[in-house]
Amino acid sequence: MDKKNTASLTAAGNENKTSMQLLSGVSFAEVGTGSINFRQIFAQAKQAGVQHIFVEQDKITIDPFDSITKSYNYVKNVLVK
């Protein structure tokens, strides 16, 4: 999720909205560039028995190969050491 566009999730009055309503205004970002703390999540991956990691980018705003390269490099070099 793009750090600059979280209002659709955090704004007052969103308590009764469905997930799809909340996510309709979200901007997606490459792994490691957005607001999700993947380091904290992946710190528990081995203990949880995670064997495979998949990256899905729903809305790409840059060249698709640049997008997956950024995400892949972050996963490989930061999350899976």
N, C-alpha and C. Protein backbone atom coordinates (compact mmCIF):
# COMPACT_ATOMS: atom_id res chain seq x y z
N MET A 1 0.85 -1.18 0.00
CA MET A 1 0.00 0.00 0.00
C MET A 1 0.89 1.24 0.00
N ASP A 2 0.54 2.17 -0.81
CA ASP A 2 1.29 3.42 -0.92
C ASP A 2 1.16 4.21 0.37
N LYS A 3 2.28 4.61 0.96
CA LYS A 3 2.29 5.36 2.22
C LYS A 3 1.54 6.68 2.12
N LYS A 4 1.46 7.24 0.93
CA LYS A 4 0.83 8.55 0.76
C LYS A 4 -0.68 8.46 0.61
N ASN A 5 -1.23 7.25 0.53
CA ASN A 5 -2.66 7.12 0.26
C ASN A 5 -3.31 6.09 1.18
N THR A 6 -3.36 6.37 2.46
CA THR A 6 -3.99 5.45 3.41
C THR A 6 -5.30 5.99 3.96
N ALA A 7 -5.72 7.15 3.52
CA ALA A 7 -6.92 7.79 4.06
C ALA A 7 -8.16 6.92 3.91
N SER A 8 -8.25 6.16 2.82
CA SER A 8 -9.44 5.34 2.62
C SER A 8 -9.58 4.26 3.69
N LEU A 9 -8.49 3.93 4.37
CA LEU A 9 -8.55 2.93 5.43
C LEU A 9 -8.66 3.56 6.81
N THR A 10 -8.11 4.74 6.98
CA THR A 10 -7.99 5.32 8.32
C THR A 10 -8.96 6.46 8.62
N ALA A 11 -9.70 6.90 7.64
CA ALA A 11 -10.59 8.05 7.84
C ALA A 11 -11.76 7.71 8.76
N ALA A 12 -12.21 8.69 9.50
CA ALA A 12 -13.37 8.51 10.38
C ALA A 12 -14.59 8.15 9.54
N GLY A 13 -15.43 7.29 10.09
CA GLY A 13 -16.65 6.90 9.39
C GLY A 13 -16.51 5.65 8.54
N ASN A 14 -15.33 5.05 8.55
CA ASN A 14 -15.12 3.84 7.74
C ASN A 14 -15.42 2.55 8.49
N GLU A 15 -15.83 2.64 9.72
CA GLU A 15 -16.00 1.45 10.55
C GLU A 15 -16.98 0.43 9.96
N ASN A 16 -18.01 0.89 9.27
CA ASN A 16 -19.04 -0.02 8.76
C ASN A 16 -18.90 -0.35 7.28
N LYS A 17 -17.79 0.04 6.69
CA LYS A 17 -17.57 -0.24 5.27
C LYS A 17 -17.02 -1.66 5.09
N THR A 18 -17.34 -2.26 3.96
CA THR A 18 -16.81 -3.59 3.65
C THR A 18 -15.35 -3.46 3.22
N SER A 19 -14.66 -4.59 3.20
CA SER A 19 -13.26 -4.60 2.77
C SER A 19 -13.12 -4.06 1.36
N MET A 20 -14.02 -4.45 0.48
CA MET A 20 -13.93 -3.99 -0.91
C MET A 20 -14.15 -2.48 -1.01
N GLN A 21 -15.03 -1.95 -0.20
CA GLN A 21 -15.25 -0.50 -0.20
C GLN A 21 -14.00 0.22 0.30
N LEU A 22 -13.38 -0.30 1.34
CA LEU A 22 -12.18 0.32 1.88
C LEU A 22 -11.01 0.24 0.90
N LEU A 23 -10.86 -0.90 0.26
CA LEU A 23 -9.71 -1.10 -0.63
C LEU A 23 -9.86 -0.44 -1.99
N SER A 24 -11.05 0.00 -2.33
CA SER A 24 -11.25 0.60 -3.65
C SER A 24 -10.43 1.88 -3.85
N GLY A 25 -10.07 2.56 -2.77
CA GLY A 25 -9.30 3.79 -2.90
C GLY A 25 -7.83 3.64 -2.58
N VAL A 26 -7.37 2.41 -2.38
CA VAL A 26 -5.99 2.16 -1.98
C VAL A 26 -5.07 2.17 -3.20
N SER A 27 -3.90 2.74 -3.04
CA SER A 27 -2.85 2.67 -4.05
C SER A 27 -1.88 1.58 -3.63
N PHE A 28 -1.51 0.73 -4.55
CA PHE A 28 -0.59 -0.35 -4.23
C PHE A 28 0.85 0.08 -4.51
N ALA A 29 1.79 -0.59 -3.86
CA ALA A 29 3.20 -0.25 -4.01
C ALA A 29 4.02 -1.53 -4.07
N GLU A 30 5.22 -1.43 -4.59
CA GLU A 30 6.11 -2.57 -4.64
C GLU A 30 6.51 -2.95 -3.21
N VAL A 31 6.81 -4.24 -3.01
CA VAL A 31 7.19 -4.73 -1.68
C VAL A 31 8.39 -3.93 -1.17
N GLY A 32 8.27 -3.43 0.05
CA GLY A 32 9.35 -2.67 0.67
C GLY A 32 9.26 -1.18 0.46
N THR A 33 8.34 -0.71 -0.38
CA THR A 33 8.23 0.72 -0.62
C THR A 33 6.95 1.31 -0.05
N GLY A 34 6.08 0.48 0.44
CA GLY A 34 4.79 0.95 0.95
C GLY A 34 4.73 1.03 2.46
N SER A 35 3.52 0.95 2.98
CA SER A 35 3.31 1.16 4.41
C SER A 35 3.27 -0.12 5.23
N ILE A 36 3.27 -1.29 4.60
CA ILE A 36 3.23 -2.55 5.33
C ILE A 36 4.64 -2.88 5.82
N ASN A 37 4.75 -3.24 7.10
CA ASN A 37 6.04 -3.57 7.69
C ASN A 37 6.34 -5.05 7.44
N PHE A 38 6.88 -5.36 6.25
CA PHE A 38 7.15 -6.75 5.90
C PHE A 38 8.27 -7.35 6.75
N ARG A 39 9.19 -6.55 7.23
CA ARG A 39 10.26 -7.09 8.09
C ARG A 39 9.66 -7.71 9.34
N GLN A 40 8.71 -7.03 9.94
CA GLN A 40 8.07 -7.55 11.15
C GLN A 40 7.28 -8.82 10.84
N ILE A 41 6.60 -8.83 9.72
CA ILE A 41 5.82 -10.01 9.33
C ILE A 41 6.74 -11.19 9.03
N PHE A 42 7.78 -10.95 8.24
CA PHE A 42 8.66 -12.04 7.84
C PHE A 42 9.56 -12.52 8.97
N ALA A 43 9.70 -11.75 10.01
CA ALA A 43 10.47 -12.20 11.17
C ALA A 43 9.84 -13.45 11.78
N GLN A 44 8.55 -13.64 11.56
CA GLN A 44 7.83 -14.79 12.10
C GLN A 44 7.62 -15.89 11.06
N ALA A 45 8.06 -15.68 9.84
CA ALA A 45 7.76 -16.61 8.75
C ALA A 45 8.32 -18.00 8.99
N LYS A 46 9.57 -18.11 9.38
CA LYS A 46 10.19 -19.42 9.59
C LYS A 46 9.47 -20.17 10.70
N GLN A 47 9.20 -19.48 11.80
CA GLN A 47 8.49 -20.10 12.93
C GLN A 47 7.09 -20.56 12.51
N ALA A 48 6.48 -19.83 11.59
CA ALA A 48 5.13 -20.18 11.12
C ALA A 48 5.15 -21.28 10.06
N GLY A 49 6.34 -21.68 9.62
CA GLY A 49 6.45 -22.75 8.64
C GLY A 49 6.31 -22.31 7.19
N VAL A 50 6.53 -21.03 6.93
CA VAL A 50 6.44 -20.53 5.56
C VAL A 50 7.55 -21.16 4.72
N GLN A 51 7.16 -21.75 3.59
CA GLN A 51 8.13 -22.38 2.69
C GLN A 51 8.26 -21.65 1.36
N HIS A 52 7.23 -20.95 0.96
CA HIS A 52 7.23 -20.27 -0.33
C HIS A 52 6.69 -18.85 -0.16
N ILE A 53 7.21 -17.95 -0.97
CA ILE A 53 6.77 -16.56 -0.94
C ILE A 53 6.34 -16.16 -2.35
N PHE A 54 5.18 -15.55 -2.44
CA PHE A 54 4.68 -15.08 -3.73
C PHE A 54 4.41 -13.59 -3.64
N VAL A 55 4.69 -12.88 -4.70
CA VAL A 55 4.40 -11.45 -4.76
C VAL A 55 3.33 -11.22 -5.81
N GLU A 56 2.28 -10.51 -5.43
CA GLU A 56 1.22 -10.14 -6.36
C GLU A 56 1.08 -8.63 -6.34
N GLN A 57 1.11 -8.04 -7.49
CA GLN A 57 0.96 -6.59 -7.61
C GLN A 57 -0.33 -6.33 -8.37
N ASP A 58 -1.34 -5.82 -7.69
CA ASP A 58 -2.65 -5.65 -8.31
C ASP A 58 -2.71 -4.51 -9.31
N LYS A 59 -2.19 -3.38 -8.94
CA LYS A 59 -2.21 -2.22 -9.82
C LYS A 59 -0.78 -1.71 -9.97
N ILE A 60 -0.27 -1.81 -11.18
CA ILE A 60 1.12 -1.43 -11.43
C ILE A 60 1.14 -0.05 -12.07
N THR A 61 1.91 0.85 -11.48
CA THR A 61 1.99 2.22 -12.00
C THR A 61 3.30 2.49 -12.72
N ILE A 62 4.22 1.51 -12.68
CA ILE A 62 5.49 1.64 -13.40
C ILE A 62 5.60 0.46 -14.35
N ASP A 63 6.69 0.37 -15.08
CA ASP A 63 6.92 -0.75 -15.98
C ASP A 63 6.78 -2.06 -15.19
N PRO A 64 6.02 -3.05 -15.68
CA PRO A 64 5.80 -4.29 -14.93
C PRO A 64 7.08 -5.00 -14.53
N PHE A 65 8.08 -5.01 -15.40
CA PHE A 65 9.33 -5.67 -15.06
C PHE A 65 10.11 -4.91 -13.99
N ASP A 66 10.05 -3.60 -14.02
CA ASP A 66 10.66 -2.80 -12.96
C ASP A 66 9.96 -3.06 -11.63
N SER A 67 8.65 -3.19 -11.68
CA SER A 67 7.86 -3.43 -10.47
C SER A 67 8.24 -4.76 -9.81
N ILE A 68 8.23 -5.84 -10.59
CA ILE A 68 8.54 -7.14 -10.01
C ILE A 68 10.01 -7.22 -9.60
N THR A 69 10.89 -6.53 -10.33
CA THR A 69 12.31 -6.52 -9.97
C THR A 69 12.50 -5.85 -8.62
N LYS A 70 11.84 -4.72 -8.38
CA LYS A 70 11.94 -4.04 -7.09
C LYS A 70 11.44 -4.93 -5.96
N SER A 71 10.28 -5.54 -6.16
CA SER A 71 9.72 -6.41 -5.13
C SER A 71 10.61 -7.62 -4.88
N TYR A 72 11.06 -8.26 -5.95
CA TYR A 72 11.92 -9.44 -5.84
C TYR A 72 13.21 -9.11 -5.09
N ASN A 73 13.85 -8.02 -5.48
CA ASN A 73 15.10 -7.65 -4.83
C ASN A 73 14.92 -7.36 -3.35
N TYR A 74 13.82 -6.73 -2.98
CA TYR A 74 13.56 -6.46 -1.57
C TYR A 74 13.34 -7.76 -0.80
N VAL A 75 12.55 -8.65 -1.36
CA VAL A 75 12.30 -9.94 -0.70
C VAL A 75 13.62 -10.70 -0.55
N LYS A 76 14.38 -10.80 -1.63
CA LYS A 76 15.62 -11.57 -1.63
C LYS A 76 16.69 -10.97 -0.71
N ASN A 77 16.88 -9.66 -0.79
CA ASN A 77 18.00 -9.02 -0.09
C ASN A 77 17.69 -8.55 1.32
N VAL A 78 16.42 -8.39 1.64
CA VAL A 78 16.06 -7.86 2.96
C VAL A 78 15.28 -8.88 3.79
N LEU A 79 14.31 -9.52 3.19
CA LEU A 79 13.41 -10.37 3.96
C LEU A 79 13.88 -11.81 4.10
N VAL A 80 14.57 -12.33 3.09
CA VAL A 80 14.98 -13.73 3.10
C VAL A 80 16.50 -13.80 3.08
N LYS A 81 17.10 -13.55 4.21
CA LYS A 81 18.57 -13.59 4.30
C LYS A 81 19.00 -14.86 4.96
